[in-house]
PDB file of all heavy atoms in Angstrom:
ATOM      1  N   PRO A   1      16.116  22.126 -10.537  1.00  0.00           N
ATOM      2  CA  PRO A   1      16.566  21.559  -9.246  1.00  0.00           C
ATOM      3  C   PRO A   1      17.984  21.031  -9.333  1.00  0.00           C
ATOM      4  O   PRO A   1      18.431  20.555 -10.378  1.00  0.00           O
ATOM      5  CB  PRO A   1      15.560  20.434  -9.005  1.00  0.00           C
ATOM      6  CG  PRO A   1      15.037  20.086 -10.352  1.00  0.00           C
ATOM      7  CD  PRO A   1      15.024  21.360 -11.139  1.00  0.00           C
ATOM      8  N   LYS A   2      18.672  21.089  -8.216  1.00  0.00           N
ATOM      9  CA  LYS A   2      20.064  20.620  -8.144  1.00  0.00           C
ATOM     10  C   LYS A   2      20.085  19.200  -7.589  1.00  0.00           C
ATOM     11  O   LYS A   2      20.366  18.964  -6.422  1.00  0.00           O
ATOM     12  CB  LYS A   2      20.882  21.564  -7.271  1.00  0.00           C
ATOM     13  CG  LYS A   2      20.892  23.005  -7.780  1.00  0.00           C
ATOM     14  CD  LYS A   2      21.639  23.934  -6.827  1.00  0.00           C
ATOM     15  CE  LYS A   2      21.620  25.364  -7.326  1.00  0.00           C
ATOM     16  NZ  LYS A   2      22.307  26.301  -6.389  1.00  0.00           N
ATOM     17  N   SER A   3      19.737  18.227  -8.446  1.00  0.00           N
ATOM     18  CA  SER A   3      19.747  16.802  -8.071  1.00  0.00           C
ATOM     19  C   SER A   3      18.934  16.575  -6.801  1.00  0.00           C
ATOM     20  O   SER A   3      19.465  16.110  -5.781  1.00  0.00           O
ATOM     21  CB  SER A   3      21.185  16.305  -7.895  1.00  0.00           C
ATOM     22  OG  SER A   3      21.913  16.487  -9.077  1.00  0.00           O
ATOM     23  N   LEU A   4      17.657  16.883  -6.870  1.00  0.00           N
ATOM     24  CA  LEU A   4      16.812  16.871  -5.684  1.00  0.00           C
ATOM     25  C   LEU A   4      15.626  15.942  -5.902  1.00  0.00           C
ATOM     26  O   LEU A   4      15.008  15.929  -6.950  1.00  0.00           O
ATOM     27  CB  LEU A   4      16.310  18.289  -5.415  1.00  0.00           C
ATOM     28  CG  LEU A   4      15.627  18.570  -4.095  1.00  0.00           C
ATOM     29  CD1 LEU A   4      16.618  18.449  -2.955  1.00  0.00           C
ATOM     30  CD2 LEU A   4      15.027  19.972  -4.125  1.00  0.00           C
ATOM     31  N   SER A   5      15.287  15.133  -4.887  1.00  0.00           N
ATOM     32  CA  SER A   5      14.096  14.290  -4.936  1.00  0.00           C
ATOM     33  C   SER A   5      13.058  14.847  -3.966  1.00  0.00           C
ATOM     34  O   SER A   5      13.363  15.671  -3.097  1.00  0.00           O
ATOM     35  CB  SER A   5      14.440  12.852  -4.540  1.00  0.00           C
ATOM     36  OG  SER A   5      14.784  12.782  -3.171  1.00  0.00           O
ATOM     37  N   THR A   6      11.816  14.388  -4.111  1.00  0.00           N
ATOM     38  CA  THR A   6      10.750  14.837  -3.204  1.00  0.00           C
ATOM     39  C   THR A   6      11.075  14.463  -1.767  1.00  0.00           C
ATOM     40  O   THR A   6      10.817  15.230  -0.826  1.00  0.00           O
ATOM     41  CB  THR A   6       9.407  14.212  -3.614  1.00  0.00           C
ATOM     42  OG1 THR A   6       9.105  14.571  -4.967  1.00  0.00           O
ATOM     43  CG2 THR A   6       8.286  14.694  -2.707  1.00  0.00           C
ATOM     44  N   GLU A   7      11.686  13.301  -1.576  1.00  0.00           N
ATOM     45  CA  GLU A   7      12.016  12.838  -0.229  1.00  0.00           C
ATOM     46  C   GLU A   7      13.069  13.730   0.426  1.00  0.00           C
ATOM     47  O   GLU A   7      12.924  14.117   1.596  1.00  0.00           O
ATOM     48  CB  GLU A   7      12.505  11.397  -0.279  1.00  0.00           C
ATOM     49  CG  GLU A   7      11.443  10.369  -0.644  1.00  0.00           C
ATOM     50  CD  GLU A   7      11.064  10.405  -2.127  1.00  0.00           C
ATOM     51  OE1 GLU A   7      11.862  10.941  -2.918  1.00  0.00           O
ATOM     52  OE2 GLU A   7       9.985   9.902  -2.465  1.00  0.00           O
ATOM     53  N   THR A   8      14.120  14.066  -0.313  1.00  0.00           N
ATOM     54  CA  THR A   8      15.166  14.919   0.272  1.00  0.00           C
ATOM     55  C   THR A   8      14.647  16.339   0.481  1.00  0.00           C
ATOM     56  O   THR A   8      15.044  17.018   1.429  1.00  0.00           O
ATOM     57  CB  THR A   8      16.415  14.933  -0.611  1.00  0.00           C
ATOM     58  OG1 THR A   8      16.062  15.360  -1.941  1.00  0.00           O
ATOM     59  CG2 THR A   8      17.044  13.561  -0.693  1.00  0.00           C
ATOM     60  N   LEU A   9      13.756  16.779  -0.397  1.00  0.00           N
ATOM     61  CA  LEU A   9      13.168  18.107  -0.232  1.00  0.00           C
ATOM     62  C   LEU A   9      12.301  18.144   1.026  1.00  0.00           C
ATOM     63  O   LEU A   9      12.359  19.103   1.799  1.00  0.00           O
ATOM     64  CB  LEU A   9      12.335  18.460  -1.461  1.00  0.00           C
ATOM     65  CG  LEU A   9      11.640  19.822  -1.469  1.00  0.00           C
ATOM     66  CD1 LEU A   9      12.640  20.943  -1.266  1.00  0.00           C
ATOM     67  CD2 LEU A   9      10.879  20.013  -2.771  1.00  0.00           C
ATOM     68  N   ALA A  10      11.505  17.091   1.239  1.00  0.00           N
ATOM     69  CA  ALA A  10      10.676  17.025   2.437  1.00  0.00           C
ATOM     70  C   ALA A  10      11.533  17.061   3.696  1.00  0.00           C
ATOM     71  O   ALA A  10      11.180  17.715   4.688  1.00  0.00           O
ATOM     72  CB  ALA A  10       9.829  15.757   2.400  1.00  0.00           C
ATOM     73  N   LYS A  11      12.656  16.385   3.656  1.00  0.00           N
ATOM     74  CA  LYS A  11      13.562  16.373   4.809  1.00  0.00           C
ATOM     75  C   LYS A  11      14.150  17.755   5.049  1.00  0.00           C
ATOM     76  O   LYS A  11      14.244  18.216   6.198  1.00  0.00           O
ATOM     77  CB  LYS A  11      14.677  15.350   4.590  1.00  0.00           C
ATOM     78  CG  LYS A  11      15.610  15.207   5.774  1.00  0.00           C
ATOM     79  CD  LYS A  11      16.642  14.116   5.528  1.00  0.00           C
ATOM     80  CE  LYS A  11      17.574  13.965   6.717  1.00  0.00           C
ATOM     81  NZ  LYS A  11      18.599  12.879   6.492  1.00  0.00           N
ATOM     82  N   ALA A  12      14.542  18.437   3.972  1.00  0.00           N
ATOM     83  CA  ALA A  12      15.129  19.768   4.101  1.00  0.00           C
ATOM     84  C   ALA A  12      14.134  20.761   4.690  1.00  0.00           C
ATOM     85  O   ALA A  12      14.515  21.696   5.404  1.00  0.00           O
ATOM     86  CB  ALA A  12      15.616  20.266   2.742  1.00  0.00           C
ATOM     87  N   LEU A  13      12.842  20.544   4.404  1.00  0.00           N
ATOM     88  CA  LEU A  13      11.797  21.448   4.888  1.00  0.00           C
ATOM     89  C   LEU A  13      11.222  21.026   6.238  1.00  0.00           C
ATOM     90  O   LEU A  13      10.393  21.739   6.806  1.00  0.00           O
ATOM     91  CB  LEU A  13      10.654  21.507   3.867  1.00  0.00           C
ATOM     92  CG  LEU A  13      10.974  22.128   2.510  1.00  0.00           C
ATOM     93  CD1 LEU A  13       9.840  21.863   1.520  1.00  0.00           C
ATOM     94  CD2 LEU A  13      11.214  23.626   2.645  1.00  0.00           C
ATOM     95  N   SER A  14      11.625  19.849   6.731  1.00  0.00           N
ATOM     96  CA  SER A  14      11.065  19.277   7.968  1.00  0.00           C
ATOM     97  C   SER A  14       9.563  19.029   7.823  1.00  0.00           C
ATOM     98  O   SER A  14       8.778  19.255   8.751  1.00  0.00           O
ATOM     99  CB  SER A  14      11.326  20.199   9.164  1.00  0.00           C
ATOM    100  OG  SER A  14      12.716  20.390   9.356  1.00  0.00           O
ATOM    101  N   ALA A  15       9.166  18.542   6.647  1.00  0.00           N
ATOM    102  CA  ALA A  15       7.762  18.274   6.376  1.00  0.00           C
ATOM    103  C   ALA A  15       7.302  17.013   7.093  1.00  0.00           C
ATOM    104  O   ALA A  15       8.032  16.029   7.178  1.00  0.00           O
ATOM    105  CB  ALA A  15       7.537  18.131   4.872  1.00  0.00           C
ATOM    106  N   VAL A  16       6.067  17.028   7.586  1.00  0.00           N
ATOM    107  CA  VAL A  16       5.505  15.848   8.248  1.00  0.00           C
ATOM    108  C   VAL A  16       4.738  14.975   7.259  1.00  0.00           C
ATOM    109  O   VAL A  16       4.464  13.802   7.532  1.00  0.00           O
ATOM    110  CB  VAL A  16       4.588  16.242   9.418  1.00  0.00           C
ATOM    111  CG1 VAL A  16       5.383  17.019  10.470  1.00  0.00           C
ATOM    112  CG2 VAL A  16       3.410  17.067   8.940  1.00  0.00           C
ATOM    113  N   ARG A  17       4.362  15.558   6.116  1.00  0.00           N
ATOM    114  CA  ARG A  17       3.650  14.799   5.104  1.00  0.00           C
ATOM    115  C   ARG A  17       3.805  15.497   3.752  1.00  0.00           C
ATOM    116  O   ARG A  17       3.942  16.722   3.688  1.00  0.00           O
ATOM    117  CB  ARG A  17       2.168  14.659   5.456  1.00  0.00           C
ATOM    118  CG  ARG A  17       1.416  13.648   4.583  1.00  0.00           C
ATOM    119  CD  ARG A  17      -0.048  13.519   5.028  1.00  0.00           C
ATOM    120  NE  ARG A  17      -0.156  13.014   6.409  1.00  0.00           N
ATOM    121  CZ  ARG A  17      -1.316  12.863   7.041  1.00  0.00           C
ATOM    122  NH1 ARG A  17      -2.453  13.183   6.423  1.00  0.00           N
ATOM    123  NH2 ARG A  17      -1.332  12.401   8.278  1.00  0.00           N
ATOM    124  N   THR A  18       3.785  14.708   2.675  1.00  0.00           N
ATOM    125  CA  THR A  18       3.840  15.266   1.329  1.00  0.00           C
ATOM    126  C   THR A  18       2.642  14.778   0.522  1.00  0.00           C
ATOM    127  O   THR A  18       2.050  13.738   0.828  1.00  0.00           O
ATOM    128  CB  THR A  18       5.137  14.865   0.596  1.00  0.00           C
ATOM    129  OG1 THR A  18       5.161  13.438   0.454  1.00  0.00           O
ATOM    130  CG2 THR A  18       6.364  15.327   1.368  1.00  0.00           C
ATOM    131  N   CYS A  19       2.295  15.544  -0.494  1.00  0.00           N
ATOM    132  CA  CYS A  19       1.200  15.171  -1.383  1.00  0.00           C
ATOM    133  C   CYS A  19       1.625  15.474  -2.816  1.00  0.00           C
ATOM    134  O   CYS A  19       1.910  16.635  -3.153  1.00  0.00           O
ATOM    135  CB  CYS A  19      -0.062  15.951  -1.030  1.00  0.00           C
ATOM    136  SG  CYS A  19      -1.470  15.605  -2.118  1.00  0.00           S
ATOM    137  N   THR A  20       1.702  14.446  -3.641  1.00  0.00           N
ATOM    138  CA  THR A  20       2.060  14.614  -5.036  1.00  0.00           C
ATOM    139  C   THR A  20       1.051  13.869  -5.905  1.00  0.00           C
ATOM    140  O   THR A  20       0.492  12.857  -5.495  1.00  0.00           O
ATOM    141  CB  THR A  20       3.467  14.081  -5.332  1.00  0.00           C
ATOM    142  OG1 THR A  20       3.527  12.687  -4.988  1.00  0.00           O
ATOM    143  CG2 THR A  20       4.527  14.830  -4.528  1.00  0.00           C
ATOM    144  N   THR A  21       0.837  14.381  -7.100  1.00  0.00           N
ATOM    145  CA  THR A  21      -0.050  13.748  -8.069  1.00  0.00           C
ATOM    146  C   THR A  21       0.756  13.429  -9.313  1.00  0.00           C
ATOM    147  O   THR A  21       1.484  14.296  -9.817  1.00  0.00           O
ATOM    148  CB  THR A  21      -1.226  14.670  -8.440  1.00  0.00           C
ATOM    149  OG1 THR A  21      -1.951  14.998  -7.245  1.00  0.00           O
ATOM    150  CG2 THR A  21      -2.159  13.998  -9.428  1.00  0.00           C
ATOM    151  N   SER A  22       0.632  12.209  -9.803  1.00  0.00           N
ATOM    152  CA  SER A  22       1.387  11.794 -10.977  1.00  0.00           C
ATOM    153  C   SER A  22       1.133  12.741 -12.142  1.00  0.00           C
ATOM    154  O   SER A  22      -0.010  13.033 -12.490  1.00  0.00           O
ATOM    155  CB  SER A  22       0.998  10.365 -11.367  1.00  0.00           C
ATOM    156  OG  SER A  22       1.695   9.951 -12.530  1.00  0.00           O
ATOM    157  N   GLY A  23       2.207  13.237 -12.731  1.00  0.00           N
ATOM    158  CA  GLY A  23       2.097  14.133 -13.869  1.00  0.00           C
ATOM    159  C   GLY A  23       1.939  15.595 -13.521  1.00  0.00           C
ATOM    160  O   GLY A  23       2.030  16.459 -14.394  1.00  0.00           O
ATOM    161  N   SER A  24       1.694  15.898 -12.245  1.00  0.00           N
ATOM    162  CA  SER A  24       1.525  17.288 -11.836  1.00  0.00           C
ATOM    163  C   SER A  24       2.870  17.913 -11.478  1.00  0.00           C
ATOM    164  O   SER A  24       3.706  17.263 -10.832  1.00  0.00           O
ATOM    165  CB  SER A  24       0.590  17.384 -10.628  1.00  0.00           C
ATOM    166  OG  SER A  24       0.564  18.720 -10.128  1.00  0.00           O
ATOM    167  N   PRO A  25       3.104  19.160 -11.870  1.00  0.00           N
ATOM    168  CA  PRO A  25       4.369  19.822 -11.518  1.00  0.00           C
ATOM    169  C   PRO A  25       4.382  20.379 -10.103  1.00  0.00           C
ATOM    170  O   PRO A  25       5.398  20.923  -9.658  1.00  0.00           O
ATOM    171  CB  PRO A  25       4.447  20.960 -12.540  1.00  0.00           C
ATOM    172  CG  PRO A  25       3.017  21.298 -12.814  1.00  0.00           C
ATOM    173  CD  PRO A  25       2.251  20.001 -12.737  1.00  0.00           C
ATOM    174  N   THR A  26       3.263  20.238  -9.367  1.00  0.00           N
ATOM    175  CA  THR A  26       3.162  20.810  -8.028  1.00  0.00           C
ATOM    176  C   THR A  26       3.179  19.732  -6.954  1.00  0.00           C
ATOM    177  O   THR A  26       2.454  18.747  -7.049  1.00  0.00           O
ATOM    178  CB  THR A  26       1.874  21.647  -7.890  1.00  0.00           C
ATOM    179  OG1 THR A  26       1.861  22.682  -8.883  1.00  0.00           O
ATOM    180  CG2 THR A  26       1.790  22.287  -6.502  1.00  0.00           C
ATOM    181  N   SER A  27       4.015  19.934  -5.940  1.00  0.00           N
ATOM    182  CA  SER A  27       4.058  19.062  -4.771  1.00  0.00           C
ATOM    183  C   SER A  27       3.697  19.887  -3.539  1.00  0.00           C
ATOM    184  O   SER A  27       4.127  21.039  -3.410  1.00  0.00           O
ATOM    185  CB  SER A  27       5.448  18.454  -4.593  1.00  0.00           C
ATOM    186  OG  SER A  27       5.804  17.650  -5.700  1.00  0.00           O
ATOM    187  N   SER A  28       2.902  19.294  -2.651  1.00  0.00           N
ATOM    188  CA  SER A  28       2.479  19.987  -1.434  1.00  0.00           C
ATOM    189  C   SER A  28       3.157  19.359  -0.221  1.00  0.00           C
ATOM    190  O   SER A  28       3.332  18.139  -0.152  1.00  0.00           O
ATOM    191  CB  SER A  28       0.958  19.922  -1.271  1.00  0.00           C
ATOM    192  OG  SER A  28       0.308  20.556  -2.352  1.00  0.00           O
ATOM    193  N   PHE A  29       3.511  20.200   0.741  1.00  0.00           N
ATOM    194  CA  PHE A  29       4.199  19.752   1.946  1.00  0.00           C
ATOM    195  C   PHE A  29       3.481  20.310   3.169  1.00  0.00           C
ATOM    196  O   PHE A  29       3.152  21.502   3.215  1.00  0.00           O
ATOM    197  CB  PHE A  29       5.658  20.230   1.941  1.00  0.00           C
ATOM    198  CG  PHE A  29       6.447  19.738   0.761  1.00  0.00           C
ATOM    199  CD1 PHE A  29       6.401  20.407  -0.452  1.00  0.00           C
ATOM    200  CD2 PHE A  29       7.215  18.591   0.855  1.00  0.00           C
ATOM    201  CE1 PHE A  29       7.117  19.946  -1.550  1.00  0.00           C
ATOM    202  CE2 PHE A  29       7.930  18.118  -0.239  1.00  0.00           C
ATOM    203  CZ  PHE A  29       7.877  18.794  -1.443  1.00  0.00           C
ATOM    204  N   ALA A  30       3.214  19.444   4.143  1.00  0.00           N
ATOM    205  CA  ALA A  30       2.617  19.870   5.409  1.00  0.00           C
ATOM    206  C   ALA A  30       3.742  20.153   6.391  1.00  0.00           C
ATOM    207  O   ALA A  30       4.516  19.252   6.743  1.00  0.00           O
ATOM    208  CB  ALA A  30       1.685  18.794   5.942  1.00  0.00           C
ATOM    209  N   LEU A  31       3.816  21.381   6.856  1.00  0.00           N
ATOM    210  CA  LEU A  31       4.902  21.826   7.725  1.00  0.00           C
ATOM    211  C   LEU A  31       4.327  22.310   9.051  1.00  0.00           C
ATOM    212  O   LEU A  31       3.178  22.772   9.114  1.00  0.00           O
ATOM    213  CB  LEU A  31       5.682  22.959   7.049  1.00  0.00           C
ATOM    214  CG  LEU A  31       6.111  22.679   5.603  1.00  0.00           C
ATOM    215  CD1 LEU A  31       6.735  23.909   4.975  1.00  0.00           C
ATOM    216  CD2 LEU A  31       7.097  21.517   5.562  1.00  0.00           C
ATOM    217  N   PRO A  32       5.087  22.194  10.132  1.00  0.00           N
ATOM    218  CA  PRO A  32       4.561  22.579  11.449  1.00  0.00           C
ATOM    219  C   PRO A  32       4.074  24.024  11.478  1.00  0.00           C
ATOM    220  O   PRO A  32       4.735  24.933  10.966  1.00  0.00           O
ATOM    221  CB  PRO A  32       5.778  22.388  12.377  1.00  0.00           C
ATOM    222  CG  PRO A  32       6.620  21.372  11.675  1.00  0.00           C
ATOM    223  CD  PRO A  32       6.462  21.641  10.214  1.00  0.00           C
ATOM    224  N   TYR A  33       2.894  24.218  12.059  1.00  0.00           N
ATOM    225  CA  TYR A  33       2.331  25.560  12.233  1.00  0.00           C
ATOM    226  C   TYR A  33       2.875  26.118  13.548  1.00  0.00           C
ATOM    227  O   TYR A  33       2.659  25.521  14.619  1.00  0.00           O
ATOM    228  CB  TYR A  33       0.805  25.472  12.283  1.00  0.00           C
ATOM    229  CG  TYR A  33       0.084  26.788  12.146  1.00  0.00           C
ATOM    230  CD1 TYR A  33      -0.578  27.113  10.972  1.00  0.00           C
ATOM    231  CD2 TYR A  33       0.036  27.702  13.203  1.00  0.00           C
ATOM    232  CE1 TYR A  33      -1.267  28.309  10.835  1.00  0.00           C
ATOM    233  CE2 TYR A  33      -0.633  28.902  13.082  1.00  0.00           C
ATOM    234  CZ  TYR A  33      -1.282  29.212  11.896  1.00  0.00           C
ATOM    235  OH  TYR A  33      -1.946  30.406  11.773  1.00  0.00           O
ATOM    236  N   PRO A  34       3.602  27.225  13.532  1.00  0.00           N
ATOM    237  CA  PRO A  34       4.231  27.744  14.751  1.00  0.00           C
ATOM    238  C   PRO A  34       3.241  27.943  15.890  1.00  0.00           C
ATOM    239  O   PRO A  34       2.182  28.554  15.716  1.00  0.00           O
ATOM    240  CB  PRO A  34       4.812  29.094  14.293  1.00  0.00           C
ATOM    241  CG  PRO A  34       5.044  28.916  12.832  1.00  0.00           C
ATOM    242  CD  PRO A  34       3.908  28.055  12.353  1.00  0.00           C
ATOM    243  N   GLY A  35       3.566  27.372  17.038  1.00  0.00           N
ATOM    244  CA  GLY A  35       2.761  27.566  18.235  1.00  0.00           C
ATOM    245  C   GLY A  35       1.548  26.678  18.342  1.00  0.00           C
ATOM    246  O   GLY A  35       0.795  26.786  19.322  1.00  0.00           O
ATOM    247  N   ARG A  36       1.331  25.782  17.368  1.00  0.00           N
ATOM    248  CA  ARG A  36       0.165  24.898  17.412  1.00  0.00           C
ATOM    249  C   ARG A  36       0.596  23.473  17.075  1.00  0.00           C
ATOM    250  O   ARG A  36       0.954  23.169  15.934  1.00  0.00           O
ATOM    251  CB  ARG A  36      -0.911  25.370  16.425  1.00  0.00           C
ATOM    252  CG  ARG A  36      -1.529  26.712  16.792  1.00  0.00           C
ATOM    253  CD  ARG A  36      -2.684  27.070  15.871  1.00  0.00           C
ATOM    254  NE  ARG A  36      -3.725  26.054  15.866  1.00  0.00           N
ATOM    255  CZ  ARG A  36      -4.882  26.191  15.220  1.00  0.00           C
ATOM    256  NH1 ARG A  36      -5.127  27.310  14.546  1.00  0.00           N
ATOM    257  NH2 ARG A  36      -5.777  25.226  15.237  1.00  0.00           N
ATOM    258  N   ALA A  37       0.545  22.608  18.070  1.00  0.00           N
ATOM    259  CA  ALA A  37       1.026  21.243  17.879  1.00  0.00           C
ATOM    260  C   ALA A  37       0.124  20.416  16.968  1.00  0.00           C
ATOM    261  O   ALA A  37       0.563  19.428  16.379  1.00  0.00           O
ATOM    262  CB  ALA A  37       1.147  20.555  19.241  1.00  0.00           C
ATOM    263  N   ASP A  38      -1.147  20.814  16.843  1.00  0.00           N
ATOM    264  CA  ASP A  38      -2.116  20.026  16.073  1.00  0.00           C
ATOM    265  C   ASP A  38      -2.432  20.627  14.712  1.00  0.00           C
ATOM    266  O   ASP A  38      -3.413  20.249  14.069  1.00  0.00           O
ATOM    267  CB  ASP A  38      -3.421  19.884  16.863  1.00  0.00           C
ATOM    268  CG  ASP A  38      -4.066  21.249  17.127  1.00  0.00           C
ATOM    269  OD1 ASP A  38      -3.355  22.273  17.026  1.00  0.00           O
ATOM    270  OD2 ASP A  38      -5.280  21.279  17.421  1.00  0.00           O
ATOM    271  N   ALA A  39      -1.620  21.590  14.255  1.00  0.00           N
ATOM    272  CA  ALA A  39      -1.929  22.286  13.002  1.00  0.00           C
ATOM    273  C   ALA A  39      -0.686  22.376  12.133  1.00  0.00           C
ATOM    274  O   ALA A  39       0.456  22.288  12.613  1.00  0.00           O
ATOM    275  CB  ALA A  39      -2.475  23.678  13.288  1.00  0.00           C
ATOM    276  N   TYR A  40      -0.938  22.571  10.819  1.00  0.00           N
ATOM    277  CA  TYR A  40       0.157  22.560   9.851  1.00  0.00           C
ATOM    278  C   TYR A  40      -0.048  23.649   8.796  1.00  0.00           C
ATOM    279  O   TYR A  40      -1.164  24.105   8.554  1.00  0.00           O
ATOM    280  CB  TYR A  40       0.257  21.191   9.178  1.00  0.00           C
ATOM    281  CG  TYR A  40       0.475  20.091  10.182  1.00  0.00           C
ATOM    282  CD1 TYR A  40      -0.615  19.472  10.805  1.00  0.00           C
ATOM    283  CD2 TYR A  40       1.748  19.711  10.559  1.00  0.00           C
ATOM    284  CE1 TYR A  40      -0.423  18.492  11.760  1.00  0.00           C
ATOM    285  CE2 TYR A  40       1.950  18.728  11.516  1.00  0.00           C
ATOM    286  CZ  TYR A  40       0.860  18.130  12.119  1.00  0.00           C
ATOM    287  OH  TYR A  40       1.051  17.165  13.073  1.00  0.00           O
ATOM    288  N   VAL A  41       1.055  24.041   8.200  1.00  0.00           N
ATOM    289  CA  VAL A  41       1.050  25.001   7.101  1.00  0.00           C
ATOM    290  C   VAL A  41       1.264  24.232   5.799  1.00  0.00           C
ATOM    291  O   VAL A  41       2.140  23.363   5.729  1.00  0.00           O
ATOM    292  CB  VAL A  41       2.166  26.047   7.266  1.00  0.00           C
ATOM    293  CG1 VAL A  41       2.228  26.975   6.057  1.00  0.00           C
ATOM    294  CG2 VAL A  41       1.971  26.843   8.542  1.00  0.00           C
ATOM    295  N   GLN A  42       0.465  24.530   4.787  1.00  0.00           N
ATOM    296  CA  GLN A  42       0.645  23.877   3.484  1.00  0.00           C
ATOM    297  C   GLN A  42       1.544  24.729   2.599  1.00  0.00           C
ATOM    298  O   GLN A  42       1.252  25.890   2.330  1.00  0.00           O
ATOM    299  CB  GLN A  42      -0.694  23.654   2.788  1.00  0.00           C
ATOM    300  CG  GLN A  42      -0.541  22.984   1.422  1.00  0.00           C
ATOM    301  CD  GLN A  42      -1.873  22.698   0.763  1.00  0.00           C
ATOM    302  OE1 GLN A  42      -2.804  22.226   1.414  1.00  0.00           O
ATOM    303  NE2 GLN A  42      -1.962  22.968  -0.530  1.00  0.00           N
ATOM    304  N   LEU A  43       2.638  24.133   2.152  1.00  0.00           N
ATOM    305  CA  LEU A  43       3.556  24.775   1.215  1.00  0.00           C
ATOM    306  C   LEU A  43       3.453  24.059  -0.120  1.00  0.00           C
ATOM    307  O   LEU A  43       3.670  22.847  -0.201  1.00  0.00           O
ATOM    308  CB  LEU A  43       4.991  24.706   1.749  1.00  0.00           C
ATOM    309  CG  LEU A  43       6.097  25.198   0.810  1.00  0.00           C
ATOM    310  CD1 LEU A  43       6.002  26.709   0.617  1.00  0.00           C
ATOM    311  CD2 LEU A  43       7.479  24.816   1.355  1.00  0.00           C
ATOM    312  N   ASP A  44       3.090  24.783  -1.176  1.00  0.00           N
ATOM    313  CA  ASP A  44       3.007  24.225  -2.526  1.00  0.00           C
ATOM    314  C   ASP A  44       4.219  24.671  -3.333  1.00  0.00           C
ATOM    315  O   ASP A  44       4.465  25.878  -3.468  1.00  0.00           O
ATOM    316  CB  ASP A  44       1.730  24.688  -3.231  1.00  0.00           C
ATOM    317  CG  ASP A  44       0.477  24.063  -2.641  1.00  0.00           C
ATOM    318  OD1 ASP A  44       0.604  23.049  -1.927  1.00  0.00           O
ATOM    319  OD2 ASP A  44      -0.611  24.592  -2.894  1.00  0.00           O
TER     320      ASP A  44
END
């Protein structure tokens, strides 16, 4: 990564929520699901 934090990454992706686990290399981001105001796409 180029000097990147989870918070700045979430902002760059327009994420509405993030999920991280201590020690895990994977972070999940909830992103708007096109055409559905009540649904989201999970990006890992």
